[in-house]
Amino acid sequence: MAESTEEQELPAYPIRAYQLIPDPNQPDVVALAIETDQGHSLFLATRAILEDLGKDLLERAAKMPLKPGKT
């Protein structure tokens, strides 16, 4: 992945929903659809990317405080 030497501020939108959409014509990729108040975005991911993303999300979630009443 190419990195830019200039910092770029990107807008952040809360995720309202997501969906994983398999493609029967491309069994080695899956589409990750993310819905925000600003609309939908669609990303294609391989198994390796999904595994890394899942691991990273679980690690990040474990570092976050629990909401009151959740165990």
PDB file of N, CA and C in Angstrom:
ATOM      1  N   MET A   1       0.856  -1.174   0.000  1.00  0.00           N
ATOM      2  CA  MET A   1       0.000   0.000   0.000  1.00  0.00           C
ATOM      3  C   MET A   1       0.899   1.232   0.000  1.00  0.00           C
ATOM      4  N   ALA A   2       0.641   2.157  -0.875  1.00  0.00           N
ATOM      5  CA  ALA A   2       1.429   3.380  -0.953  1.00  0.00           C
ATOM      6  C   ALA A   2       1.003   4.341   0.139  1.00  0.00           C
ATOM      7  N   GLU A   3       1.980   4.980   0.763  1.00  0.00           N
ATOM      8  CA  GLU A   3       1.682   5.950   1.802  1.00  0.00           C
ATOM      9  C   GLU A   3       1.957   7.352   1.286  1.00  0.00           C
ATOM     10  N   SER A   4       1.143   8.294   1.699  1.00  0.00           N
ATOM     11  CA  SER A   4       1.324   9.683   1.329  1.00  0.00           C
ATOM     12  C   SER A   4       2.176  10.361   2.387  1.00  0.00           C
ATOM     13  N   THR A   5       3.019  11.287   1.951  1.00  0.00           N
ATOM     14  CA  THR A   5       3.842  12.019   2.903  1.00  0.00           C
ATOM     15  C   THR A   5       3.054  13.154   3.549  1.00  0.00           C
ATOM     16  N   GLU A   6       1.919  13.509   2.969  1.00  0.00           N
ATOM     17  CA  GLU A   6       1.073  14.554   3.527  1.00  0.00           C
ATOM     18  C   GLU A   6      -0.041  13.926   4.347  1.00  0.00           C
ATOM     19  N   GLU A   7      -0.340  14.532   5.507  1.00  0.00           N
ATOM     20  CA  GLU A   7      -1.450  14.041   6.308  1.00  0.00           C
ATOM     21  C   GLU A   7      -2.747  14.511   5.686  1.00  0.00           C
ATOM     22  N   GLN A   8      -3.718  13.620   5.682  1.00  0.00           N
ATOM     23  CA  GLN A   8      -5.024  13.945   5.120  1.00  0.00           C
ATOM     24  C   GLN A   8      -6.075  13.661   6.167  1.00  0.00           C
ATOM     25  N   GLU A   9      -6.912  14.634   6.463  1.00  0.00           N
ATOM     26  CA  GLU A   9      -7.989  14.444   7.416  1.00  0.00           C
ATOM     27  C   GLU A   9      -9.196  13.894   6.676  1.00  0.00           C
ATOM     28  N   LEU A  10      -9.661  12.732   7.125  1.00  0.00           N
ATOM     29  CA  LEU A  10     -10.805  12.089   6.488  1.00  0.00           C
ATOM     30  C   LEU A  10     -12.036  12.219   7.372  1.00  0.00           C
ATOM     31  N   PRO A  11     -13.207  12.385   6.776  1.00  0.00           N
ATOM     32  CA  PRO A  11     -14.426  12.438   7.588  1.00  0.00           C
ATOM     33  C   PRO A  11     -14.708  11.065   8.183  1.00  0.00           C
ATOM     34  N   ALA A  12     -15.307  11.042   9.355  1.00  0.00           N
ATOM     35  CA  ALA A  12     -15.666   9.785  10.011  1.00  0.00           C
ATOM     36  C   ALA A  12     -17.175   9.748  10.226  1.00  0.00           C
ATOM     37  N   TYR A  13     -17.784   8.643   9.844  1.00  0.00           N
ATOM     38  CA  TYR A  13     -19.220   8.483   9.977  1.00  0.00           C
ATOM     39  C   TYR A  13     -19.503   7.218  10.782  1.00  0.00           C
ATOM     40  N   PRO A  14     -20.421   7.267  11.737  1.00  0.00           N
ATOM     41  CA  PRO A  14     -20.771   6.059  12.480  1.00  0.00           C
ATOM     42  C   PRO A  14     -21.349   4.989  11.546  1.00  0.00           C
ATOM     43  N   ILE A  15     -20.950   3.745  11.778  1.00  0.00           N
ATOM     44  CA  ILE A  15     -21.487   2.631  10.999  1.00  0.00           C
ATOM     45  C   ILE A  15     -22.866   2.297  11.537  1.00  0.00           C
ATOM     46  N   ARG A  16     -23.852   2.269  10.652  1.00  0.00           N
ATOM     47  CA  ARG A  16     -25.228   1.930  11.037  1.00  0.00           C
ATOM     48  C   ARG A  16     -25.482   0.438  10.835  1.00  0.00           C
ATOM     49  N   ALA A  17     -24.871  -0.139   9.818  1.00  0.00           N
ATOM     50  CA  ALA A  17     -25.070  -1.553   9.511  1.00  0.00           C
ATOM     51  C   ALA A  17     -23.948  -2.014   8.590  1.00  0.00           C
ATOM     52  N   TYR A  18     -23.785  -3.324   8.525  1.00  0.00           N
ATOM     53  CA  TYR A  18     -22.835  -3.894   7.580  1.00  0.00           C
ATOM     54  C   TYR A  18     -23.379  -5.219   7.071  1.00  0.00           C
ATOM     55  N   GLN A  19     -22.846  -5.674   5.961  1.00  0.00           N
ATOM     56  CA  GLN A  19     -23.264  -6.949   5.394  1.00  0.00           C
ATOM     57  C   GLN A  19     -22.086  -7.535   4.630  1.00  0.00           C
ATOM     58  N   LEU A  20     -21.887  -8.840   4.761  1.00  0.00           N
ATOM     59  CA  LEU A  20     -20.900  -9.546   3.959  1.00  0.00           C
ATOM     60  C   LEU A  20     -21.639 -10.233   2.826  1.00  0.00           C
ATOM     61  N   ILE A  21     -21.212  -9.951   1.592  1.00  0.00           N
ATOM     62  CA  ILE A  21     -21.929 -10.439   0.413  1.00  0.00           C
ATOM     63  C   ILE A  21     -20.991 -11.322  -0.406  1.00  0.00           C
ATOM     64  N   PRO A  22     -21.230 -12.645  -0.418  1.00  0.00           N
ATOM     65  CA  PRO A  22     -20.382 -13.523  -1.228  1.00  0.00           C
ATOM     66  C   PRO A  22     -20.695 -13.350  -2.710  1.00  0.00           C
ATOM     67  N   ASP A  23     -19.697 -13.584  -3.538  1.00  0.00           N
ATOM     68  CA  ASP A  23     -19.869 -13.516  -4.986  1.00  0.00           C
ATOM     69  C   ASP A  23     -19.669 -14.923  -5.538  1.00  0.00           C
ATOM     70  N   PRO A  24     -20.741 -15.561  -6.024  1.00  0.00           N
ATOM     71  CA  PRO A  24     -20.595 -16.932  -6.519  1.00  0.00           C
ATOM     72  C   PRO A  24     -19.629 -17.049  -7.697  1.00  0.00           C
ATOM     73  N   ASN A  25     -19.384 -15.949  -8.396  1.00  0.00           N
ATOM     74  CA  ASN A  25     -18.451 -15.968  -9.521  1.00  0.00           C
ATOM     75  C   ASN A  25     -17.003 -15.762  -9.090  1.00  0.00           C
ATOM     76  N   GLN A  26     -16.795 -15.281  -7.850  1.00  0.00           N
ATOM     77  CA  GLN A  26     -15.456 -15.061  -7.319  1.00  0.00           C
ATOM     78  C   GLN A  26     -15.414 -15.601  -5.879  1.00  0.00           C
ATOM     79  N   PRO A  27     -15.284 -16.919  -5.714  1.00  0.00           N
ATOM     80  CA  PRO A  27     -15.344 -17.484  -4.366  1.00  0.00           C
ATOM     81  C   PRO A  27     -14.173 -17.093  -3.469  1.00  0.00           C
ATOM     82  N   ASP A  28     -13.138 -16.470  -4.031  1.00  0.00           N
ATOM     83  CA  ASP A  28     -11.979 -16.078  -3.221  1.00  0.00           C
ATOM     84  C   ASP A  28     -12.070 -14.645  -2.705  1.00  0.00           C
ATOM     85  N   VAL A  29     -13.193 -13.962  -2.952  1.00  0.00           N
ATOM     86  CA  VAL A  29     -13.404 -12.617  -2.411  1.00  0.00           C
ATOM     87  C   VAL A  29     -14.829 -12.500  -1.876  1.00  0.00           C
ATOM     88  N   VAL A  30     -14.999 -11.547  -0.961  1.00  0.00           N
ATOM     89  CA  VAL A  30     -16.331 -11.243  -0.441  1.00  0.00           C
ATOM     90  C   VAL A  30     -16.458  -9.722  -0.430  1.00  0.00           C
ATOM     91  N   ALA A  31     -17.663  -9.245  -0.647  1.00  0.00           N
ATOM     92  CA  ALA A  31     -17.913  -7.803  -0.579  1.00  0.00           C
ATOM     93  C   ALA A  31     -18.350  -7.456   0.836  1.00  0.00           C
ATOM     94  N   LEU A  32     -17.742  -6.436   1.394  1.00  0.00           N
ATOM     95  CA  LEU A  32     -18.125  -5.909   2.698  1.00  0.00           C
ATOM     96  C   LEU A  32     -18.853  -4.600   2.436  1.00  0.00           C
ATOM     97  N   ALA A  33     -20.155  -4.597   2.680  1.00  0.00           N
ATOM     98  CA  ALA A  33     -20.971  -3.397   2.487  1.00  0.00           C
ATOM     99  C   ALA A  33     -21.142  -2.724   3.841  1.00  0.00           C
ATOM    100  N   ILE A  34     -20.846  -1.443   3.923  1.00  0.00           N
ATOM    101  CA  ILE A  34     -20.977  -0.674   5.152  1.00  0.00           C
ATOM    102  C   ILE A  34     -21.944   0.470   4.901  1.00  0.00           C
ATOM    103  N   GLU A  35     -22.946   0.595   5.782  1.00  0.00           N
ATOM    104  CA  GLU A  35     -23.944   1.656   5.665  1.00  0.00           C
ATOM    105  C   GLU A  35     -23.707   2.710   6.737  1.00  0.00           C
ATOM    106  N   THR A  36     -23.702   3.981   6.322  1.00  0.00           N
ATOM    107  CA  THR A  36     -23.614   5.110   7.236  1.00  0.00           C
ATOM    108  C   THR A  36     -24.749   6.073   6.905  1.00  0.00           C
ATOM    109  N   ASP A  37     -24.865   7.137   7.678  1.00  0.00           N
ATOM    110  CA  ASP A  37     -25.866   8.164   7.371  1.00  0.00           C
ATOM    111  C   ASP A  37     -25.581   8.831   6.030  1.00  0.00           C
ATOM    112  N   GLN A  38     -24.348   8.742   5.566  1.00  0.00           N
ATOM    113  CA  GLN A  38     -23.959   9.376   4.313  1.00  0.00           C
ATOM    114  C   GLN A  38     -24.122   8.454   3.110  1.00  0.00           C
ATOM    115  N   GLY A  39     -24.538   7.208   3.352  1.00  0.00           N
ATOM    116  CA  GLY A  39     -24.738   6.265   2.252  1.00  0.00           C
ATOM    117  C   GLY A  39     -23.986   4.970   2.485  1.00  0.00           C
ATOM    118  N   HIS A  40     -23.839   4.203   1.416  1.00  0.00           N
ATOM    119  CA  HIS A  40     -23.197   2.896   1.471  1.00  0.00           C
ATOM    120  C   HIS A  40     -21.810   2.953   0.836  1.00  0.00           C
ATOM    121  N   SER A  41     -20.924   2.113   1.346  1.00  0.00           N
ATOM    122  CA  SER A  41     -19.627   1.890   0.721  1.00  0.00           C
ATOM    123  C   SER A  41     -19.462   0.391   0.577  1.00  0.00           C
ATOM    124  N   LEU A  42     -18.794  -0.019  -0.473  1.00  0.00           N
ATOM    125  CA  LEU A  42     -18.596  -1.425  -0.757  1.00  0.00           C
ATOM    126  C   LEU A  42     -17.109  -1.683  -0.949  1.00  0.00           C
ATOM    127  N   PHE A  43     -16.593  -2.693  -0.238  1.00  0.00           N
ATOM    128  CA  PHE A  43     -15.178  -3.043  -0.299  1.00  0.00           C
ATOM    129  C   PHE A  43     -15.063  -4.526  -0.620  1.00  0.00           C
ATOM    130  N   LEU A  44     -14.092  -4.900  -1.439  1.00  0.00           N
ATOM    131  CA  LEU A  44     -13.832  -6.303  -1.725  1.00  0.00           C
ATOM    132  C   LEU A  44     -12.683  -6.763  -0.852  1.00  0.00           C
ATOM    133  N   ALA A  45     -12.807  -7.965  -0.280  1.00  0.00           N
ATOM    134  CA  ALA A  45     -11.780  -8.467   0.617  1.00  0.00           C
ATOM    135  C   ALA A  45     -11.522  -9.950   0.366  1.00  0.00           C
ATOM    136  N   THR A  46     -10.258 -10.325   0.490  1.00  0.00           N
ATOM    137  CA  THR A  46      -9.868 -11.721   0.403  1.00  0.00           C
ATOM    138  C   THR A  46      -9.986 -12.360   1.789  1.00  0.00           C
ATOM    139  N   ARG A  47      -9.792 -13.652   1.843  1.00  0.00           N
ATOM    140  CA  ARG A  47      -9.829 -14.364   3.128  1.00  0.00           C
ATOM    141  C   ARG A  47      -8.776 -13.795   4.074  1.00  0.00           C
ATOM    142  N   ALA A  48      -7.569 -13.562   3.581  1.00  0.00           N
ATOM    143  CA  ALA A  48      -6.495 -13.045   4.433  1.00  0.00           C
ATOM    144  C   ALA A  48      -6.861 -11.689   5.025  1.00  0.00           C
ATOM    145  N   ILE A  49      -7.450 -10.827   4.223  1.00  0.00           N
ATOM    146  CA  ILE A  49      -7.864  -9.510   4.714  1.00  0.00           C
ATOM    147  C   ILE A  49      -8.950  -9.660   5.766  1.00  0.00           C
ATOM    148  N   LEU A  50      -9.950 -10.513   5.518  1.00  0.00           N
ATOM    149  CA  LEU A  50     -11.021 -10.719   6.495  1.00  0.00           C
ATOM    150  C   LEU A  50     -10.474 -11.278   7.807  1.00  0.00           C
ATOM    151  N   GLU A  51      -9.527 -12.222   7.720  1.00  0.00           N
ATOM    152  CA  GLU A  51      -8.941 -12.779   8.941  1.00  0.00           C
ATOM    153  C   GLU A  51      -8.193 -11.708   9.725  1.00  0.00           C
ATOM    154  N   ASP A  52      -7.387 -10.899   9.035  1.00  0.00           N
ATOM    155  CA  ASP A  52      -6.643  -9.818   9.704  1.00  0.00           C
ATOM    156  C   ASP A  52      -7.598  -8.781  10.291  1.00  0.00           C
ATOM    157  N   LEU A  53      -8.612  -8.401   9.536  1.00  0.00           N
ATOM    158  CA  LEU A  53      -9.578  -7.417  10.001  1.00  0.00           C
ATOM    159  C   LEU A  53     -10.315  -7.935  11.233  1.00  0.00           C
ATOM    160  N   GLY A  54     -10.762  -9.185  11.185  1.00  0.00           N
ATOM    161  CA  GLY A  54     -11.458  -9.769  12.319  1.00  0.00           C
ATOM    162  C   GLY A  54     -10.585  -9.783  13.567  1.00  0.00           C
ATOM    163  N   LYS A  55      -9.331 -10.175  13.415  1.00  0.00           N
ATOM    164  CA  LYS A  55      -8.396 -10.211  14.542  1.00  0.00           C
ATOM    165  C   LYS A  55      -8.191  -8.811  15.105  1.00  0.00           C
ATOM    166  N   ASP A  56      -7.961  -7.848  14.229  1.00  0.00           N
ATOM    167  CA  ASP A  56      -7.734  -6.473  14.666  1.00  0.00           C
ATOM    168  C   ASP A  56      -8.971  -5.892  15.362  1.00  0.00           C
ATOM    169  N   LEU A  57     -10.158  -6.177  14.837  1.00  0.00           N
ATOM    170  CA  LEU A  57     -11.388  -5.677  15.460  1.00  0.00           C
ATOM    171  C   LEU A  57     -11.593  -6.285  16.849  1.00  0.00           C
ATOM    172  N   LEU A  58     -11.337  -7.581  16.993  1.00  0.00           N
ATOM    173  CA  LEU A  58     -11.487  -8.225  18.302  1.00  0.00           C
ATOM    174  C   LEU A  58     -10.480  -7.670  19.308  1.00  0.00           C
ATOM    175  N   GLU A  59      -9.242  -7.450  18.874  1.00  0.00           N
ATOM    176  CA  GLU A  59      -8.229  -6.881  19.768  1.00  0.00           C
ATOM    177  C   GLU A  59      -8.623  -5.470  20.202  1.00  0.00           C
ATOM    178  N   ARG A  60      -9.119  -4.671  19.280  1.00  0.00           N
ATOM    179  CA  ARG A  60      -9.518  -3.301  19.593  1.00  0.00           C
ATOM    180  C   ARG A  60     -10.732  -3.298  20.517  1.00  0.00           C
ATOM    181  N   ALA A  61     -11.700  -4.166  20.247  1.00  0.00           N
ATOM    182  CA  ALA A  61     -12.899  -4.241  21.087  1.00  0.00           C
ATOM    183  C   ALA A  61     -12.535  -4.646  22.515  1.00  0.00           C
ATOM    184  N   ALA A  62     -11.567  -5.535  22.673  1.00  0.00           N
ATOM    185  CA  ALA A  62     -11.168  -5.989  24.006  1.00  0.00           C
ATOM    186  C   ALA A  62     -10.568  -4.853  24.833  1.00  0.00           C
ATOM    187  N   LYS A  63     -10.036  -3.841  24.174  1.00  0.00           N
ATOM    188  CA  LYS A  63      -9.417  -2.700  24.871  1.00  0.00           C
ATOM    189  C   LYS A  63     -10.440  -1.614  25.233  1.00  0.00           C
ATOM    190  N   MET A  64     -11.648  -1.732  24.715  1.00  0.00           N
ATOM    191  CA  MET A  64     -12.663  -0.703  24.941  1.00  0.00           C
ATOM    192  C   MET A  64     -13.448  -1.011  26.214  1.00  0.00           C
ATOM    193  N   PRO A  65     -13.891   0.035  26.917  1.00  0.00           N
ATOM    194  CA  PRO A  65     -14.693  -0.221  28.121  1.00  0.00           C
ATOM    195  C   PRO A  65     -16.059  -0.795  27.748  1.00  0.00           C
ATOM    196  N   LEU A  66     -16.573  -1.656  28.641  1.00  0.00           N
ATOM    197  CA  LEU A  66     -17.914  -2.201  28.450  1.00  0.00           C
ATOM    198  C   LEU A  66     -18.952  -1.139  28.760  1.00  0.00           C
ATOM    199  N   LYS A  67     -20.082  -1.203  28.090  1.00  0.00           N
ATOM    200  CA  LYS A  67     -21.192  -0.312  28.412  1.00  0.00           C
ATOM    201  C   LYS A  67     -21.794  -0.779  29.732  1.00  0.00           C
ATOM    202  N   PRO A  68     -22.320   0.132  30.538  1.00  0.00           N
ATOM    203  CA  PRO A  68     -22.970  -0.276  31.787  1.00  0.00           C
ATOM    204  C   PRO A  68     -24.069  -1.300  31.522  1.00  0.00           C
ATOM    205  N   GLY A  69     -24.114  -2.351  32.346  1.00  0.00           N
ATOM    206  CA  GLY A  69     -25.131  -3.380  32.182  1.00  0.00           C
ATOM    207  C   GLY A  69     -24.739  -4.484  31.234  1.00  0.00           C
ATOM    208  N   LYS A  70     -23.588  -4.375  30.570  1.00  0.00           N
ATOM    209  CA  LYS A  70     -23.112  -5.418  29.637  1.00  0.00           C
ATOM    210  C   LYS A  70     -22.041  -6.231  30.323  1.00  0.00           C
ATOM    211  N   THR A  71     -22.045  -7.540  30.096  1.00  0.00           N
ATOM    212  CA  THR A  71     -21.003  -8.390  30.659  1.00  0.00           C
ATOM    213  C   THR A  71     -20.354  -9.230  29.597  1.00  0.00           C
TER     214      THR A  71
END
